[in-house]
Amino acid sequence: MAKTKQISVTTTPAAITVQSLCGTVTVSELQSNASWPTTDFQIMAPTSGDNIEYRTRGLAKVFTKTNPLNPRFVPGDVVGYISVPSGGPTTFVQYEE
């Protein structure tokens, strides 16, 4: 069963932490935010010290578990970190499937 949660995103990287056994984790700005899409965002993965992947406002980032011997994320796994380059806070949604 799919699971969602909201993440408050600021200029400080926030961990994207898995809540359920799942194969993919998708993060995107909450479409019910006023004036959506409101901001570009940054992904660092798998740690907050990794290179920044810049994403354009309105797009999503999908994390997929690719290990054939262990094809699912488990609760507590950190798949990456998310922040906005400036401004914020804004609300993102994390969807696990």
PDB file of N, CA and C in Angstrom:
ATOM      1  N   MET A   1       0.832  -1.175   0.000  1.00  0.00           N
ATOM      2  CA  MET A   1       0.000   0.000   0.000  1.00  0.00           C
ATOM      3  C   MET A   1       0.880   1.244   0.000  1.00  0.00           C
ATOM      4  N   ALA A   2       0.592   2.197  -0.847  1.00  0.00           N
ATOM      5  CA  ALA A   2       1.382   3.417  -0.958  1.00  0.00           C
ATOM      6  C   ALA A   2       1.254   4.251   0.306  1.00  0.00           C
ATOM      7  N   LYS A   3       2.302   4.974   0.623  1.00  0.00           N
ATOM      8  CA  LYS A   3       2.311   5.811   1.813  1.00  0.00           C
ATOM      9  C   LYS A   3       2.834   7.188   1.431  1.00  0.00           C
ATOM     10  N   THR A   4       2.253   8.231   2.007  1.00  0.00           N
ATOM     11  CA  THR A   4       2.713   9.589   1.739  1.00  0.00           C
ATOM     12  C   THR A   4       2.981  10.325   3.041  1.00  0.00           C
ATOM     13  N   LYS A   5       3.826  11.331   2.946  1.00  0.00           N
ATOM     14  CA  LYS A   5       4.031  12.248   4.064  1.00  0.00           C
ATOM     15  C   LYS A   5       4.479  13.578   3.490  1.00  0.00           C
ATOM     16  N   GLN A   6       4.295  14.632   4.255  1.00  0.00           N
ATOM     17  CA  GLN A   6       4.710  15.957   3.823  1.00  0.00           C
ATOM     18  C   GLN A   6       6.046  16.304   4.468  1.00  0.00           C
ATOM     19  N   ILE A   7       6.853  17.067   3.729  1.00  0.00           N
ATOM     20  CA  ILE A   7       8.170  17.489   4.194  1.00  0.00           C
ATOM     21  C   ILE A   7       8.230  19.007   4.083  1.00  0.00           C
ATOM     22  N   SER A   8       8.617  19.688   5.152  1.00  0.00           N
ATOM     23  CA  SER A   8       8.859  21.119   5.087  1.00  0.00           C
ATOM     24  C   SER A   8      10.293  21.311   4.591  1.00  0.00           C
ATOM     25  N   VAL A   9      10.441  22.002   3.456  1.00  0.00           N
ATOM     26  CA  VAL A   9      11.744  22.122   2.814  1.00  0.00           C
ATOM     27  C   VAL A   9      12.230  23.576   2.899  1.00  0.00           C
ATOM     28  N   THR A  10      13.459  23.742   3.371  1.00  0.00           N
ATOM     29  CA  THR A  10      14.090  25.051   3.498  1.00  0.00           C
ATOM     30  C   THR A  10      15.452  25.002   2.808  1.00  0.00           C
ATOM     31  N   THR A  11      16.298  25.987   3.068  1.00  0.00           N
ATOM     32  CA  THR A  11      17.644  25.995   2.488  1.00  0.00           C
ATOM     33  C   THR A  11      18.581  25.021   3.205  1.00  0.00           C
ATOM     34  N   THR A  12      18.160  24.493   4.335  1.00  0.00           N
ATOM     35  CA  THR A  12      18.938  23.484   5.055  1.00  0.00           C
ATOM     36  C   THR A  12      18.496  22.102   4.587  1.00  0.00           C
ATOM     37  N   PRO A  13      19.426  21.255   4.118  1.00  0.00           N
ATOM     38  CA  PRO A  13      19.030  19.937   3.626  1.00  0.00           C
ATOM     39  C   PRO A  13      18.257  19.121   4.668  1.00  0.00           C
ATOM     40  N   ALA A  14      17.122  18.563   4.227  1.00  0.00           N
ATOM     41  CA  ALA A  14      16.287  17.698   5.070  1.00  0.00           C
ATOM     42  C   ALA A  14      16.396  16.274   4.556  1.00  0.00           C
ATOM     43  N   ALA A  15      16.508  15.331   5.467  1.00  0.00           N
ATOM     44  CA  ALA A  15      16.599  13.918   5.089  1.00  0.00           C
ATOM     45  C   ALA A  15      15.274  13.425   4.518  1.00  0.00           C
ATOM     46  N   ILE A  16      15.370  12.633   3.471  1.00  0.00           N
ATOM     47  CA  ILE A  16      14.210  11.942   2.895  1.00  0.00           C
ATOM     48  C   ILE A  16      14.286  10.525   3.442  1.00  0.00           C
ATOM     49  N   THR A  17      13.512  10.266   4.494  1.00  0.00           N
ATOM     50  CA  THR A  17      13.578   9.009   5.229  1.00  0.00           C
ATOM     51  C   THR A  17      12.372   8.142   4.898  1.00  0.00           C
ATOM     52  N   VAL A  18      12.640   6.902   4.521  1.00  0.00           N
ATOM     53  CA  VAL A  18      11.595   5.957   4.127  1.00  0.00           C
ATOM     54  C   VAL A  18      10.777   5.543   5.345  1.00  0.00           C
ATOM     55  N   GLN A  19       9.456   5.454   5.155  1.00  0.00           N
ATOM     56  CA  GLN A  19       8.535   5.063   6.228  1.00  0.00           C
ATOM     57  C   GLN A  19       8.011   3.649   6.085  1.00  0.00           C
ATOM     58  N   SER A  20       8.083   3.074   4.869  1.00  0.00           N
ATOM     59  CA  SER A  20       7.473   1.761   4.628  1.00  0.00           C
ATOM     60  C   SER A  20       8.349   0.943   3.691  1.00  0.00           C
ATOM     61  N   LEU A  21       8.094  -0.353   3.641  1.00  0.00           N
ATOM     62  CA  LEU A  21       8.771  -1.223   2.696  1.00  0.00           C
ATOM     63  C   LEU A  21       8.292  -0.835   1.298  1.00  0.00           C
ATOM     64  N   CYS A  22       9.204  -0.386   0.426  1.00  0.00           N
ATOM     65  CA  CYS A  22       8.786   0.105  -0.888  1.00  0.00           C
ATOM     66  C   CYS A  22       9.926  -0.014  -1.898  1.00  0.00           C
ATOM     67  N   GLY A  23       9.579   0.069  -3.168  1.00  0.00           N
ATOM     68  CA  GLY A  23      10.568   0.000  -4.235  1.00  0.00           C
ATOM     69  C   GLY A  23      10.966   1.356  -4.777  1.00  0.00           C
ATOM     70  N   THR A  24      10.063   2.353  -4.648  1.00  0.00           N
ATOM     71  CA  THR A  24      10.369   3.707  -5.119  1.00  0.00           C
ATOM     72  C   THR A  24       9.904   4.743  -4.101  1.00  0.00           C
ATOM     73  N   VAL A  25      10.621   5.859  -4.100  1.00  0.00           N
ATOM     74  CA  VAL A  25      10.264   7.018  -3.293  1.00  0.00           C
ATOM     75  C   VAL A  25      10.291   8.218  -4.230  1.00  0.00           C
ATOM     76  N   THR A  26       9.173   8.934  -4.322  1.00  0.00           N
ATOM     77  CA  THR A  26       9.065  10.102  -5.178  1.00  0.00           C
ATOM     78  C   THR A  26       8.840  11.334  -4.310  1.00  0.00           C
ATOM     79  N   VAL A  27       9.601  12.404  -4.577  1.00  0.00           N
ATOM     80  CA  VAL A  27       9.392  13.671  -3.872  1.00  0.00           C
ATOM     81  C   VAL A  27       9.102  14.760  -4.894  1.00  0.00           C
ATOM     82  N   SER A  28       8.132  15.600  -4.566  1.00  0.00           N
ATOM     83  CA  SER A  28       7.781  16.741  -5.419  1.00  0.00           C
ATOM     84  C   SER A  28       7.070  17.772  -4.561  1.00  0.00           C
ATOM     85  N   GLU A  29       7.036  18.995  -5.068  1.00  0.00           N
ATOM     86  CA  GLU A  29       6.353  20.043  -4.327  1.00  0.00           C
ATOM     87  C   GLU A  29       4.855  19.748  -4.278  1.00  0.00           C
ATOM     88  N   LEU A  30       4.250  19.982  -3.142  1.00  0.00           N
ATOM     89  CA  LEU A  30       2.826  19.744  -2.954  1.00  0.00           C
ATOM     90  C   LEU A  30       2.033  20.628  -3.911  1.00  0.00           C
ATOM     91  N   GLN A  31       1.226  20.002  -4.755  1.00  0.00           N
ATOM     92  CA  GLN A  31       0.514  20.757  -5.792  1.00  0.00           C
ATOM     93  C   GLN A  31      -0.553  21.680  -5.244  1.00  0.00           C
ATOM     94  N   SER A  32      -0.956  21.495  -4.002  1.00  0.00           N
ATOM     95  CA  SER A  32      -1.942  22.402  -3.416  1.00  0.00           C
ATOM     96  C   SER A  32      -1.297  23.651  -2.817  1.00  0.00           C
ATOM     97  N   ASN A  33       0.042  23.775  -2.903  1.00  0.00           N
ATOM     98  CA  ASN A  33       0.701  25.008  -2.459  1.00  0.00           C
ATOM     99  C   ASN A  33       0.196  26.172  -3.300  1.00  0.00           C
ATOM    100  N   ALA A  34      -0.012  27.323  -2.684  1.00  0.00           N
ATOM    101  CA  ALA A  34      -0.449  28.517  -3.413  1.00  0.00           C
ATOM    102  C   ALA A  34       0.565  28.847  -4.496  1.00  0.00           C
ATOM    103  N   SER A  35       0.093  29.157  -5.680  1.00  0.00           N
ATOM    104  CA  SER A  35       0.931  29.523  -6.835  1.00  0.00           C
ATOM    105  C   SER A  35       1.877  28.407  -7.267  1.00  0.00           C
ATOM    106  N   TRP A  36       1.479  27.136  -7.058  1.00  0.00           N
ATOM    107  CA  TRP A  36       2.308  25.996  -7.468  1.00  0.00           C
ATOM    108  C   TRP A  36       2.581  26.052  -8.953  1.00  0.00           C
ATOM    109  N   PRO A  37       3.761  25.697  -9.425  1.00  0.00           N
ATOM    110  CA  PRO A  37       4.961  25.367  -8.660  1.00  0.00           C
ATOM    111  C   PRO A  37       5.681  26.646  -8.230  1.00  0.00           C
ATOM    112  N   THR A  38       6.231  26.622  -7.030  1.00  0.00           N
ATOM    113  CA  THR A  38       6.787  27.852  -6.486  1.00  0.00           C
ATOM    114  C   THR A  38       8.303  27.941  -6.502  1.00  0.00           C
ATOM    115  N   THR A  39       8.999  26.803  -6.536  1.00  0.00           N
ATOM    116  CA  THR A  39      10.450  26.879  -6.382  1.00  0.00           C
ATOM    117  C   THR A  39      11.173  25.708  -7.040  1.00  0.00           C
ATOM    118  N   ASP A  40      12.384  25.990  -7.500  1.00  0.00           N
ATOM    119  CA  ASP A  40      13.300  24.929  -7.895  1.00  0.00           C
ATOM    120  C   ASP A  40      13.760  24.245  -6.606  1.00  0.00           C
ATOM    121  N   PHE A  41      14.344  23.057  -6.730  1.00  0.00           N
ATOM    122  CA  PHE A  41      14.855  22.388  -5.533  1.00  0.00           C
ATOM    123  C   PHE A  41      16.122  21.629  -5.848  1.00  0.00           C
ATOM    124  N   GLN A  42      16.773  21.167  -4.793  1.00  0.00           N
ATOM    125  CA  GLN A  42      18.063  20.485  -4.895  1.00  0.00           C
ATOM    126  C   GLN A  42      17.983  19.142  -4.190  1.00  0.00           C
ATOM    127  N   ILE A  43      18.605  18.150  -4.801  1.00  0.00           N
ATOM    128  CA  ILE A  43      18.693  16.812  -4.215  1.00  0.00           C
ATOM    129  C   ILE A  43      20.171  16.479  -4.035  1.00  0.00           C
ATOM    130  N   MET A  44      20.508  15.961  -2.879  1.00  0.00           N
ATOM    131  CA  MET A  44      21.832  15.423  -2.614  1.00  0.00           C
ATOM    132  C   MET A  44      21.617  13.961  -2.211  1.00  0.00           C
ATOM    133  N   ALA A  45      22.340  13.031  -2.849  1.00  0.00           N
ATOM    134  CA  ALA A  45      22.109  11.620  -2.529  1.00  0.00           C
ATOM    135  C   ALA A  45      23.377  10.808  -2.776  1.00  0.00           C
ATOM    136  N   PRO A  46      23.642   9.843  -1.950  1.00  0.00           N
ATOM    137  CA  PRO A  46      22.813   9.406  -0.829  1.00  0.00           C
ATOM    138  C   PRO A  46      23.058  10.204   0.463  1.00  0.00           C
ATOM    139  N   THR A  47      24.108  11.064   0.515  1.00  0.00           N
ATOM    140  CA  THR A  47      24.352  11.840   1.734  1.00  0.00           C
ATOM    141  C   THR A  47      24.212  13.329   1.436  1.00  0.00           C
ATOM    142  N   SER A  48      24.114  14.124   2.484  1.00  0.00           N
ATOM    143  CA  SER A  48      23.970  15.570   2.305  1.00  0.00           C
ATOM    144  C   SER A  48      25.252  16.203   1.777  1.00  0.00           C
ATOM    145  N   GLY A  49      26.356  15.467   1.793  1.00  0.00           N
ATOM    146  CA  GLY A  49      27.625  15.975   1.289  1.00  0.00           C
ATOM    147  C   GLY A  49      27.888  15.649  -0.175  1.00  0.00           C
ATOM    148  N   ASP A  50      26.966  14.941  -0.821  1.00  0.00           N
ATOM    149  CA  ASP A  50      27.142  14.563  -2.221  1.00  0.00           C
ATOM    150  C   ASP A  50      26.848  15.734  -3.152  1.00  0.00           C
ATOM    151  N   ASN A  51      27.232  15.570  -4.413  1.00  0.00           N
ATOM    152  CA  ASN A  51      26.975  16.612  -5.408  1.00  0.00           C
ATOM    153  C   ASN A  51      25.494  16.944  -5.472  1.00  0.00           C
ATOM    154  N   ILE A  52      25.199  18.200  -5.769  1.00  0.00           N
ATOM    155  CA  ILE A  52      23.822  18.671  -5.827  1.00  0.00           C
ATOM    156  C   ILE A  52      23.249  18.416  -7.213  1.00  0.00           C
ATOM    157  N   GLU A  53      22.048  17.821  -7.238  1.00  0.00           N
ATOM    158  CA  GLU A  53      21.285  17.655  -8.473  1.00  0.00           C
ATOM    159  C   GLU A  53      20.184  18.711  -8.436  1.00  0.00           C
ATOM    160  N   TYR A  54      20.259  19.669  -9.348  1.00  0.00           N
ATOM    161  CA  TYR A  54      19.268  20.746  -9.390  1.00  0.00           C
ATOM    162  C   TYR A  54      18.046  20.284 -10.168  1.00  0.00           C
ATOM    163  N   ARG A  55      16.859  20.531  -9.625  1.00  0.00           N
ATOM    164  CA  ARG A  55      15.600  20.143 -10.260  1.00  0.00           C
ATOM    165  C   ARG A  55      14.745  21.393 -10.453  1.00  0.00           C
ATOM    166  N   THR A  56      14.111  21.490 -11.608  1.00  0.00           N
ATOM    167  CA  THR A  56      13.269  22.620 -11.945  1.00  0.00           C
ATOM    168  C   THR A  56      11.923  22.520 -11.246  1.00  0.00           C
ATOM    169  N   ARG A  57      11.382  23.668 -10.854  1.00  0.00           N
ATOM    170  CA  ARG A  57      10.073  23.713 -10.181  1.00  0.00           C
ATOM    171  C   ARG A  57       9.036  22.917 -10.961  1.00  0.00           C
ATOM    172  N   GLY A  58       8.184  22.216 -10.229  1.00  0.00           N
ATOM    173  CA  GLY A  58       7.129  21.424 -10.841  1.00  0.00           C
ATOM    174  C   GLY A  58       7.526  19.998 -11.176  1.00  0.00           C
ATOM    175  N   LEU A  59       8.823  19.699 -11.159  1.00  0.00           N
ATOM    176  CA  LEU A  59       9.268  18.343 -11.458  1.00  0.00           C
ATOM    177  C   LEU A  59       9.335  17.504 -10.188  1.00  0.00           C
ATOM    178  N   ALA A  60       9.472  16.211 -10.356  1.00  0.00           N
ATOM    179  CA  ALA A  60       9.607  15.284  -9.239  1.00  0.00           C
ATOM    180  C   ALA A  60      10.972  14.612  -9.321  1.00  0.00           C
ATOM    181  N   LYS A  61      11.404  14.058  -8.206  1.00  0.00           N
ATOM    182  CA  LYS A  61      12.603  13.232  -8.157  1.00  0.00           C
ATOM    183  C   LYS A  61      12.177  11.859  -7.676  1.00  0.00           C
ATOM    184  N   VAL A  62      12.553  10.816  -8.423  1.00  0.00           N
ATOM    185  CA  VAL A  62      12.198   9.442  -8.066  1.00  0.00           C
ATOM    186  C   VAL A  62      13.474   8.700  -7.675  1.00  0.00           C
ATOM    187  N   PHE A  63      13.449   8.099  -6.503  1.00  0.00           N
ATOM    188  CA  PHE A  63      14.531   7.234  -6.038  1.00  0.00           C
ATOM    189  C   PHE A  63      14.055   5.805  -6.210  1.00  0.00           C
ATOM    190  N   THR A  64      14.884   4.971  -6.841  1.00  0.00           N
ATOM    191  CA  THR A  64      14.524   3.577  -7.084  1.00  0.00           C
ATOM    192  C   THR A  64      15.600   2.681  -6.513  1.00  0.00           C
ATOM    193  N   LYS A  65      15.176   1.671  -5.817  1.00  0.00           N
ATOM    194  CA  LYS A  65      16.116   0.680  -5.280  1.00  0.00           C
ATOM    195  C   LYS A  65      16.519  -0.232  -6.432  1.00  0.00           C
ATOM    196  N   THR A  66      17.805  -0.345  -6.719  1.00  0.00           N
ATOM    197  CA  THR A  66      18.254  -1.088  -7.898  1.00  0.00           C
ATOM    198  C   THR A  66      19.017  -2.372  -7.571  1.00  0.00           C
ATOM    199  N   ASN A  67      19.167  -2.693  -6.311  1.00  0.00           N
ATOM    200  CA  ASN A  67      19.892  -3.901  -5.927  1.00  0.00           C
ATOM    201  C   ASN A  67      18.979  -5.118  -6.095  1.00  0.00           C
ATOM    202  N   PRO A  68      19.270  -6.030  -7.052  1.00  0.00           N
ATOM    203  CA  PRO A  68      18.391  -7.184  -7.275  1.00  0.00           C
ATOM    204  C   PRO A  68      18.329  -8.147  -6.087  1.00  0.00           C
ATOM    205  N   LEU A  69      19.348  -8.138  -5.231  1.00  0.00           N
ATOM    206  CA  LEU A  69      19.334  -9.012  -4.064  1.00  0.00           C
ATOM    207  C   LEU A  69      18.533  -8.411  -2.910  1.00  0.00           C
ATOM    208  N   ASN A  70      18.319  -7.112  -2.971  1.00  0.00           N
ATOM    209  CA  ASN A  70      17.569  -6.405  -1.927  1.00  0.00           C
ATOM    210  C   ASN A  70      16.770  -5.302  -2.615  1.00  0.00           C
ATOM    211  N   PRO A  71      15.648  -5.645  -3.284  1.00  0.00           N
ATOM    212  CA  PRO A  71      14.958  -4.707  -4.167  1.00  0.00           C
ATOM    213  C   PRO A  71      14.042  -3.686  -3.492  1.00  0.00           C
ATOM    214  N   ARG A  72      14.040  -3.616  -2.179  1.00  0.00           N
ATOM    215  CA  ARG A  72      13.121  -2.697  -1.493  1.00  0.00           C
ATOM    216  C   ARG A  72      13.865  -1.826  -0.482  1.00  0.00           C
ATOM    217  N   PHE A  73      13.392  -0.587  -0.364  1.00  0.00           N
ATOM    218  CA  PHE A  73      13.815   0.257   0.745  1.00  0.00           C
ATOM    219  C   PHE A  73      13.074  -0.233   1.986  1.00  0.00           C
ATOM    220  N   VAL A  74      13.679  -0.068   3.143  1.00  0.00           N
ATOM    221  CA  VAL A  74      13.033  -0.444   4.401  1.00  0.00           C
ATOM    222  C   VAL A  74      12.854   0.805   5.259  1.00  0.00           C
ATOM    223  N   PRO A  75      11.885   0.776   6.176  1.00  0.00           N
ATOM    224  CA  PRO A  75      11.683   1.932   7.035  1.00  0.00           C
ATOM    225  C   PRO A  75      12.983   2.353   7.723  1.00  0.00           C
ATOM    226  N   GLY A  76      13.244   3.654   7.680  1.00  0.00           N
ATOM    227  CA  GLY A  76      14.458   4.194   8.274  1.00  0.00           C
ATOM    228  C   GLY A  76      15.558   4.478   7.273  1.00  0.00           C
ATOM    229  N   ASP A  77      15.492   3.869   6.079  1.00  0.00           N
ATOM    230  CA  ASP A  77      16.489   4.175   5.046  1.00  0.00           C
ATOM    231  C   ASP A  77      16.413   5.655   4.689  1.00  0.00           C
ATOM    232  N   VAL A  78      17.564   6.287   4.541  1.00  0.00           N
ATOM    233  CA  VAL A  78      17.626   7.662   4.039  1.00  0.00           C
ATOM    234  C   VAL A  78      18.052   7.565   2.582  1.00  0.00           C
ATOM    235  N   VAL A  79      17.169   7.984   1.659  1.00  0.00           N
ATOM    236  CA  VAL A  79      17.469   7.870   0.232  1.00  0.00           C
ATOM    237  C   VAL A  79      18.194   9.095  -0.298  1.00  0.00           C
ATOM    238  N   GLY A  80      18.131  10.193   0.433  1.00  0.00           N
ATOM    239  CA  GLY A  80      18.793  11.414   0.006  1.00  0.00           C
ATOM    240  C   GLY A  80      18.361  12.581   0.874  1.00  0.00           C
ATOM    241  N   TYR A  81      18.737  13.774   0.422  1.00  0.00           N
ATOM    242  CA  TYR A  81      18.419  15.008   1.135  1.00  0.00           C
ATOM    243  C   TYR A  81      17.848  16.003   0.147  1.00  0.00           C
ATOM    244  N   ILE A  82      16.963  16.878   0.627  1.00  0.00           N
ATOM    245  CA  ILE A  82      16.299  17.849  -0.234  1.00  0.00           C
ATOM    246  C   ILE A  82      16.391  19.229   0.400  1.00  0.00           C
ATOM    247  N   SER A  83      16.570  20.248  -0.445  1.00  0.00           N
ATOM    248  CA  SER A  83      16.558  21.635   0.014  1.00  0.00           C
ATOM    249  C   SER A  83      16.157  22.524  -1.151  1.00  0.00           C
ATOM    250  N   VAL A  84      15.891  23.784  -0.845  1.00  0.00           N
ATOM    251  CA  VAL A  84      15.646  24.787  -1.883  1.00  0.00           C
ATOM    252  C   VAL A  84      16.867  25.696  -1.922  1.00  0.00           C
ATOM    253  N   PRO A  85      17.228  26.243  -3.108  1.00  0.00           N
ATOM    254  CA  PRO A  85      18.420  27.077  -3.196  1.00  0.00           C
ATOM    255  C   PRO A  85      18.289  28.409  -2.456  1.00  0.00           C
ATOM    256  N   SER A  86      17.053  28.924  -2.350  1.00  0.00           N
ATOM    257  CA  SER A  86      16.813  30.167  -1.613  1.00  0.00           C
ATOM    258  C   SER A  86      15.341  30.221  -1.237  1.00  0.00           C
ATOM    259  N   GLY A  87      15.024  31.074  -0.281  1.00  0.00           N
ATOM    260  CA  GLY A  87      13.631  31.225   0.126  1.00  0.00           C
ATOM    261  C   GLY A  87      13.161  30.078   0.987  1.00  0.00           C
ATOM    262  N   GLY A  88      11.890  29.768   0.849  1.00  0.00           N
ATOM    263  CA  GLY A  88      11.300  28.708   1.648  1.00  0.00           C
ATOM    264  C   GLY A  88      10.809  29.289   2.962  1.00  0.00           C
ATOM    265  N   PRO A  89      10.233  28.500   3.812  1.00  0.00           N
ATOM    266  CA  PRO A  89       9.997  27.084   3.570  1.00  0.00           C
ATOM    267  C   PRO A  89       8.841  26.858   2.601  1.00  0.00           C
ATOM    268  N   THR A  90       8.849  25.687   2.010  1.00  0.00           N
ATOM    269  CA  THR A  90       7.740  25.247   1.187  1.00  0.00           C
ATOM    270  C   THR A  90       7.467  23.786   1.526  1.00  0.00           C
ATOM    271  N   THR A  91       6.337  23.284   1.102  1.00  0.00           N
ATOM    272  CA  THR A  91       5.964  21.917   1.455  1.00  0.00           C
ATOM    273  C   THR A  91       6.102  20.996   0.252  1.00  0.00           C
ATOM    274  N   PHE A  92       6.771  19.888   0.471  1.00  0.00           N
ATOM    275  CA  PHE A  92       6.915  18.835  -0.524  1.00  0.00           C
ATOM    276  C   PHE A  92       6.169  17.606  -0.013  1.00  0.00           C
ATOM    277  N   VAL A  93       5.851  16.713  -0.927  1.00  0.00           N
ATOM    278  CA  VAL A  93       5.215  15.455  -0.557  1.00  0.00           C
ATOM    279  C   VAL A  93       6.169  14.323  -0.925  1.00  0.00           C
ATOM    280  N   GLN A  94       6.224  13.337  -0.052  1.00  0.00           N
ATOM    281  CA  GLN A  94       7.022  12.131  -0.272  1.00  0.00           C
ATOM    282  C   GLN A  94       6.045  10.994  -0.474  1.00  0.00           C
ATOM    283  N   TYR A  95       6.135  10.322  -1.619  1.00  0.00           N
ATOM    284  CA  TYR A  95       5.216   9.240  -1.964  1.00  0.00           C
ATOM    285  C   TYR A  95       6.020   7.961  -2.106  1.00  0.00           C
ATOM    286  N   GLU A  96       5.654   6.949  -1.334  1.00  0.00           N
ATOM    287  CA  GLU A  96       6.363   5.665  -1.355  1.00  0.00           C
ATOM    288  C   GLU A  96       5.453   4.600  -1.955  1.00  0.00           C
ATOM    289  N   GLU A  97       6.017   3.841  -2.894  1.00  0.00           N
ATOM    290  CA  GLU A  97       5.224   2.792  -3.536  1.00  0.00           C
ATOM    291  C   GLU A  97       6.057   1.548  -3.699  1.00  0.00           C
TER     292      GLU A  97
END
